């Protein structure tokens, strides 16, 4: 099992469109083999930063989703909403 930490900084005033796109991305991810769960957080010190923690069965499941056309299409909708590209960190238990 692995965790994928995704950080996104949203442009001011675009929080509602971001949430709509994020829901569509999550809906698509849930359909991907190996998806276990996902949680979304708002950074208390930076209100326009979102931190998403997703659990996958293994790195291969994540890579299949990350490289999928469905994810590329979904993520492309973030382009006008985010201040910069999302940051992704892959984590494994010790």
N, C-alpha and C. Protein backbone atom coordinates (compact mmCIF):
# COMPACT_ATOMS: atom_id res chain seq x y z
N UNK A 1 0.84 -1.17 0.00
CA UNK A 1 0.00 0.00 0.00
C UNK A 1 0.89 1.24 0.00
N UNK A 2 0.49 2.26 -0.78
CA UNK A 2 1.22 3.52 -0.79
C UNK A 2 0.24 4.68 -0.59
N UNK A 3 0.80 5.80 -0.17
CA UNK A 3 0.03 7.05 -0.05
C UNK A 3 0.61 8.02 -1.07
N UNK A 4 -0.27 8.78 -1.68
CA UNK A 4 0.14 9.81 -2.61
C UNK A 4 -0.33 11.14 -2.04
N UNK A 5 0.62 12.03 -1.78
CA UNK A 5 0.32 13.35 -1.25
C UNK A 5 0.36 14.33 -2.41
N UNK A 6 -0.75 15.02 -2.63
CA UNK A 6 -0.85 15.97 -3.74
C UNK A 6 -1.15 17.34 -3.15
N UNK A 7 -0.34 18.34 -3.52
CA UNK A 7 -0.55 19.70 -3.04
C UNK A 7 -0.90 20.60 -4.22
N UNK A 8 -1.93 21.41 -4.04
CA UNK A 8 -2.37 22.32 -5.10
C UNK A 8 -2.64 23.69 -4.50
N UNK A 9 -2.15 24.74 -5.17
CA UNK A 9 -2.41 26.12 -4.76
C UNK A 9 -3.39 26.74 -5.74
N UNK A 10 -4.54 27.16 -5.21
CA UNK A 10 -5.65 27.66 -6.02
C UNK A 10 -5.56 29.18 -6.16
N UNK A 11 -5.82 29.68 -7.36
CA UNK A 11 -5.86 31.12 -7.58
C UNK A 11 -7.02 31.72 -6.78
N UNK A 12 -6.81 32.92 -6.29
CA UNK A 12 -7.81 33.63 -5.49
C UNK A 12 -9.13 33.74 -6.24
N UNK A 13 -10.22 33.39 -5.57
CA UNK A 13 -11.55 33.50 -6.15
C UNK A 13 -11.99 32.31 -6.97
N UNK A 14 -11.12 31.31 -7.14
CA UNK A 14 -11.46 30.15 -7.97
C UNK A 14 -11.66 28.88 -7.15
N UNK A 15 -11.98 29.06 -5.87
CA UNK A 15 -12.16 27.90 -5.00
C UNK A 15 -13.35 27.04 -5.42
N UNK A 16 -14.46 27.65 -5.81
CA UNK A 16 -15.65 26.89 -6.20
C UNK A 16 -15.39 26.08 -7.47
N UNK A 17 -14.85 26.69 -8.54
CA UNK A 17 -14.53 25.86 -9.71
C UNK A 17 -13.53 24.76 -9.39
N UNK A 18 -12.56 25.06 -8.50
CA UNK A 18 -11.60 24.03 -8.11
C UNK A 18 -12.32 22.83 -7.51
N UNK A 19 -13.21 23.09 -6.57
CA UNK A 19 -13.92 22.00 -5.89
C UNK A 19 -14.72 21.16 -6.88
N UNK A 20 -15.31 21.80 -7.88
CA UNK A 20 -16.08 21.06 -8.89
C UNK A 20 -15.15 20.13 -9.70
N UNK A 21 -14.01 20.66 -10.12
CA UNK A 21 -13.06 19.84 -10.88
C UNK A 21 -12.50 18.73 -10.00
N UNK A 22 -12.18 19.05 -8.75
CA UNK A 22 -11.62 18.05 -7.83
C UNK A 22 -12.59 16.89 -7.63
N UNK A 23 -13.87 17.18 -7.55
CA UNK A 23 -14.87 16.11 -7.40
C UNK A 23 -14.88 15.20 -8.63
N UNK A 24 -14.75 15.80 -9.80
CA UNK A 24 -14.74 14.99 -11.04
C UNK A 24 -13.48 14.11 -11.09
N UNK A 25 -12.34 14.67 -10.67
CA UNK A 25 -11.10 13.89 -10.66
C UNK A 25 -11.23 12.72 -9.69
N UNK A 26 -11.76 12.98 -8.50
CA UNK A 26 -11.94 11.91 -7.51
C UNK A 26 -12.88 10.84 -8.05
N UNK A 27 -13.96 11.25 -8.69
CA UNK A 27 -14.92 10.29 -9.26
C UNK A 27 -14.23 9.37 -10.26
N UNK A 28 -13.38 9.94 -11.09
CA UNK A 28 -12.65 9.14 -12.07
C UNK A 28 -11.64 8.23 -11.39
N UNK A 29 -10.94 8.75 -10.37
CA UNK A 29 -9.91 7.94 -9.67
C UNK A 29 -10.54 6.74 -8.99
N UNK A 30 -11.71 6.92 -8.42
CA UNK A 30 -12.39 5.83 -7.70
C UNK A 30 -12.60 4.64 -8.63
N UNK A 31 -12.78 4.90 -9.90
CA UNK A 31 -13.02 3.83 -10.88
C UNK A 31 -11.74 3.11 -11.28
N UNK A 32 -10.60 3.67 -10.93
CA UNK A 32 -9.33 3.09 -11.35
C UNK A 32 -8.95 1.91 -10.45
N UNK A 33 -8.52 0.79 -11.04
CA UNK A 33 -8.12 -0.37 -10.25
C UNK A 33 -6.99 -0.01 -9.27
N UNK A 34 -7.14 -0.43 -8.03
CA UNK A 34 -6.12 -0.19 -7.02
C UNK A 34 -6.38 1.00 -6.13
N UNK A 35 -7.37 1.83 -6.48
CA UNK A 35 -7.72 2.97 -5.63
C UNK A 35 -8.34 2.44 -4.34
N UNK A 36 -7.88 2.94 -3.19
CA UNK A 36 -8.43 2.52 -1.91
C UNK A 36 -9.25 3.63 -1.27
N UNK A 37 -8.64 4.82 -1.13
CA UNK A 37 -9.37 5.93 -0.50
C UNK A 37 -8.69 7.25 -0.81
N UNK A 38 -9.40 8.33 -0.53
CA UNK A 38 -8.84 9.66 -0.73
C UNK A 38 -9.43 10.64 0.26
N UNK A 39 -8.61 11.56 0.73
CA UNK A 39 -9.05 12.62 1.65
C UNK A 39 -8.51 13.94 1.14
N UNK A 40 -9.28 15.00 1.36
CA UNK A 40 -8.89 16.33 0.93
C UNK A 40 -8.85 17.24 2.14
N UNK A 41 -7.83 18.09 2.20
CA UNK A 41 -7.64 18.99 3.34
C UNK A 41 -7.37 20.41 2.84
N UNK A 42 -7.75 21.39 3.66
CA UNK A 42 -7.40 22.78 3.42
C UNK A 42 -6.32 23.15 4.42
N UNK A 43 -5.25 23.76 3.93
CA UNK A 43 -4.14 24.19 4.78
C UNK A 43 -4.62 25.37 5.64
N UNK A 44 -4.56 25.24 6.96
CA UNK A 44 -5.04 26.29 7.86
C UNK A 44 -4.24 27.58 7.73
N UNK A 45 -2.97 27.49 7.40
CA UNK A 45 -2.14 28.69 7.28
C UNK A 45 -2.17 29.30 5.88
N UNK A 46 -2.59 28.51 4.89
CA UNK A 46 -2.69 28.97 3.50
C UNK A 46 -4.04 28.47 2.96
N UNK A 47 -5.10 29.23 3.18
CA UNK A 47 -6.46 28.76 2.86
C UNK A 47 -6.70 28.35 1.41
N UNK A 48 -5.88 28.84 0.48
CA UNK A 48 -6.08 28.44 -0.92
C UNK A 48 -5.21 27.26 -1.32
N UNK A 49 -4.55 26.64 -0.34
CA UNK A 49 -3.77 25.43 -0.61
C UNK A 49 -4.62 24.22 -0.23
N UNK A 50 -4.66 23.25 -1.12
CA UNK A 50 -5.34 21.99 -0.84
C UNK A 50 -4.30 20.88 -0.80
N UNK A 51 -4.48 19.99 0.15
CA UNK A 51 -3.61 18.83 0.29
C UNK A 51 -4.50 17.60 0.18
N UNK A 52 -4.19 16.73 -0.75
CA UNK A 52 -4.99 15.53 -0.99
C UNK A 52 -4.12 14.32 -0.65
N UNK A 53 -4.67 13.42 0.14
CA UNK A 53 -3.96 12.19 0.51
C UNK A 53 -4.76 11.02 -0.08
N UNK A 54 -4.13 10.31 -1.00
CA UNK A 54 -4.81 9.20 -1.67
C UNK A 54 -4.06 7.91 -1.36
N UNK A 55 -4.81 6.86 -1.07
CA UNK A 55 -4.22 5.55 -0.79
C UNK A 55 -4.47 4.64 -1.98
N UNK A 56 -3.39 4.00 -2.45
CA UNK A 56 -3.45 3.05 -3.56
C UNK A 56 -2.90 1.71 -3.09
N UNK A 57 -3.33 0.65 -3.74
CA UNK A 57 -2.86 -0.69 -3.38
C UNK A 57 -1.35 -0.81 -3.51
N UNK A 58 -0.80 -0.22 -4.57
CA UNK A 58 0.64 -0.29 -4.81
C UNK A 58 1.04 0.81 -5.79
N UNK A 59 2.33 0.95 -5.99
CA UNK A 59 2.82 2.02 -6.87
C UNK A 59 2.36 1.80 -8.31
N UNK A 60 2.20 0.55 -8.72
CA UNK A 60 1.76 0.26 -10.09
C UNK A 60 0.34 0.76 -10.33
N UNK A 61 -0.52 0.62 -9.32
CA UNK A 61 -1.90 1.13 -9.43
C UNK A 61 -1.88 2.64 -9.61
N UNK A 62 -1.06 3.33 -8.78
CA UNK A 62 -0.95 4.78 -8.90
C UNK A 62 -0.40 5.18 -10.27
N UNK A 63 0.66 4.52 -10.71
CA UNK A 63 1.27 4.87 -11.99
C UNK A 63 0.30 4.68 -13.15
N UNK A 64 -0.49 3.61 -13.08
CA UNK A 64 -1.49 3.36 -14.13
C UNK A 64 -2.49 4.52 -14.18
N UNK A 65 -2.94 4.97 -12.99
CA UNK A 65 -3.87 6.10 -12.93
C UNK A 65 -3.17 7.40 -13.35
N UNK A 66 -1.97 7.63 -12.85
CA UNK A 66 -1.25 8.87 -13.15
C UNK A 66 -1.03 9.04 -14.65
N UNK A 67 -0.75 7.95 -15.34
CA UNK A 67 -0.46 8.00 -16.78
C UNK A 67 -1.70 7.83 -17.65
N UNK A 68 -2.85 7.65 -17.04
CA UNK A 68 -4.06 7.37 -17.80
C UNK A 68 -4.59 8.62 -18.51
N UNK A 69 -5.26 8.39 -19.60
CA UNK A 69 -5.90 9.47 -20.34
C UNK A 69 -6.98 10.14 -19.48
N UNK A 70 -7.67 9.34 -18.69
CA UNK A 70 -8.73 9.89 -17.82
C UNK A 70 -8.14 10.92 -16.85
N UNK A 71 -6.98 10.62 -16.24
CA UNK A 71 -6.37 11.58 -15.31
C UNK A 71 -5.85 12.80 -16.07
N UNK A 72 -5.19 12.58 -17.19
CA UNK A 72 -4.68 13.72 -17.96
C UNK A 72 -5.81 14.66 -18.34
N UNK A 73 -6.94 14.11 -18.79
CA UNK A 73 -8.09 14.94 -19.16
C UNK A 73 -8.62 15.70 -17.95
N UNK A 74 -8.76 14.98 -16.83
CA UNK A 74 -9.30 15.60 -15.61
C UNK A 74 -8.37 16.69 -15.09
N UNK A 75 -7.08 16.41 -15.04
CA UNK A 75 -6.10 17.36 -14.50
C UNK A 75 -5.98 18.58 -15.40
N UNK A 76 -6.17 18.43 -16.69
CA UNK A 76 -6.06 19.58 -17.61
C UNK A 76 -7.07 20.67 -17.24
N UNK A 77 -8.18 20.28 -16.61
CA UNK A 77 -9.18 21.27 -16.19
C UNK A 77 -8.69 22.14 -15.04
N UNK A 78 -7.62 21.72 -14.36
CA UNK A 78 -7.06 22.53 -13.28
C UNK A 78 -6.20 23.68 -13.80
N UNK A 79 -5.71 23.59 -15.02
CA UNK A 79 -4.74 24.57 -15.54
C UNK A 79 -5.12 26.03 -15.28
N UNK A 80 -6.35 26.46 -15.59
CA UNK A 80 -6.67 27.88 -15.36
C UNK A 80 -6.98 28.21 -13.89
N UNK A 81 -7.03 27.20 -13.04
CA UNK A 81 -7.45 27.39 -11.64
C UNK A 81 -6.26 27.45 -10.69
N UNK A 82 -5.19 26.73 -11.01
CA UNK A 82 -4.05 26.62 -10.11
C UNK A 82 -3.00 27.70 -10.40
N UNK A 83 -2.31 28.12 -9.34
CA UNK A 83 -1.23 29.11 -9.49
C UNK A 83 0.02 28.48 -10.07
N UNK A 84 0.22 27.18 -9.83
CA UNK A 84 1.38 26.44 -10.35
C UNK A 84 0.98 24.98 -10.46
N UNK A 85 1.85 24.18 -11.05
CA UNK A 85 1.56 22.75 -11.17
C UNK A 85 1.44 22.10 -9.81
N UNK A 86 0.60 21.08 -9.73
CA UNK A 86 0.47 20.34 -8.48
C UNK A 86 1.79 19.67 -8.13
N UNK A 87 2.00 19.48 -6.84
CA UNK A 87 3.20 18.79 -6.35
C UNK A 87 2.76 17.42 -5.82
N UNK A 88 3.47 16.38 -6.24
CA UNK A 88 3.11 15.02 -5.86
C UNK A 88 4.27 14.38 -5.12
N UNK A 89 3.95 13.77 -3.97
CA UNK A 89 4.94 13.03 -3.18
C UNK A 89 4.41 11.63 -2.97
N UNK A 90 5.21 10.62 -3.28
CA UNK A 90 4.83 9.23 -3.06
C UNK A 90 5.41 8.77 -1.73
N UNK A 91 4.58 8.15 -0.91
CA UNK A 91 4.97 7.72 0.43
C UNK A 91 4.68 6.24 0.63
N UNK A 92 5.56 5.56 1.35
CA UNK A 92 5.31 4.17 1.69
C UNK A 92 5.50 4.00 3.20
N UNK A 93 4.79 3.05 3.80
CA UNK A 93 4.95 2.83 5.23
C UNK A 93 6.34 2.27 5.55
N UNK A 94 6.81 2.55 6.73
CA UNK A 94 8.11 2.02 7.18
C UNK A 94 7.94 0.64 7.77
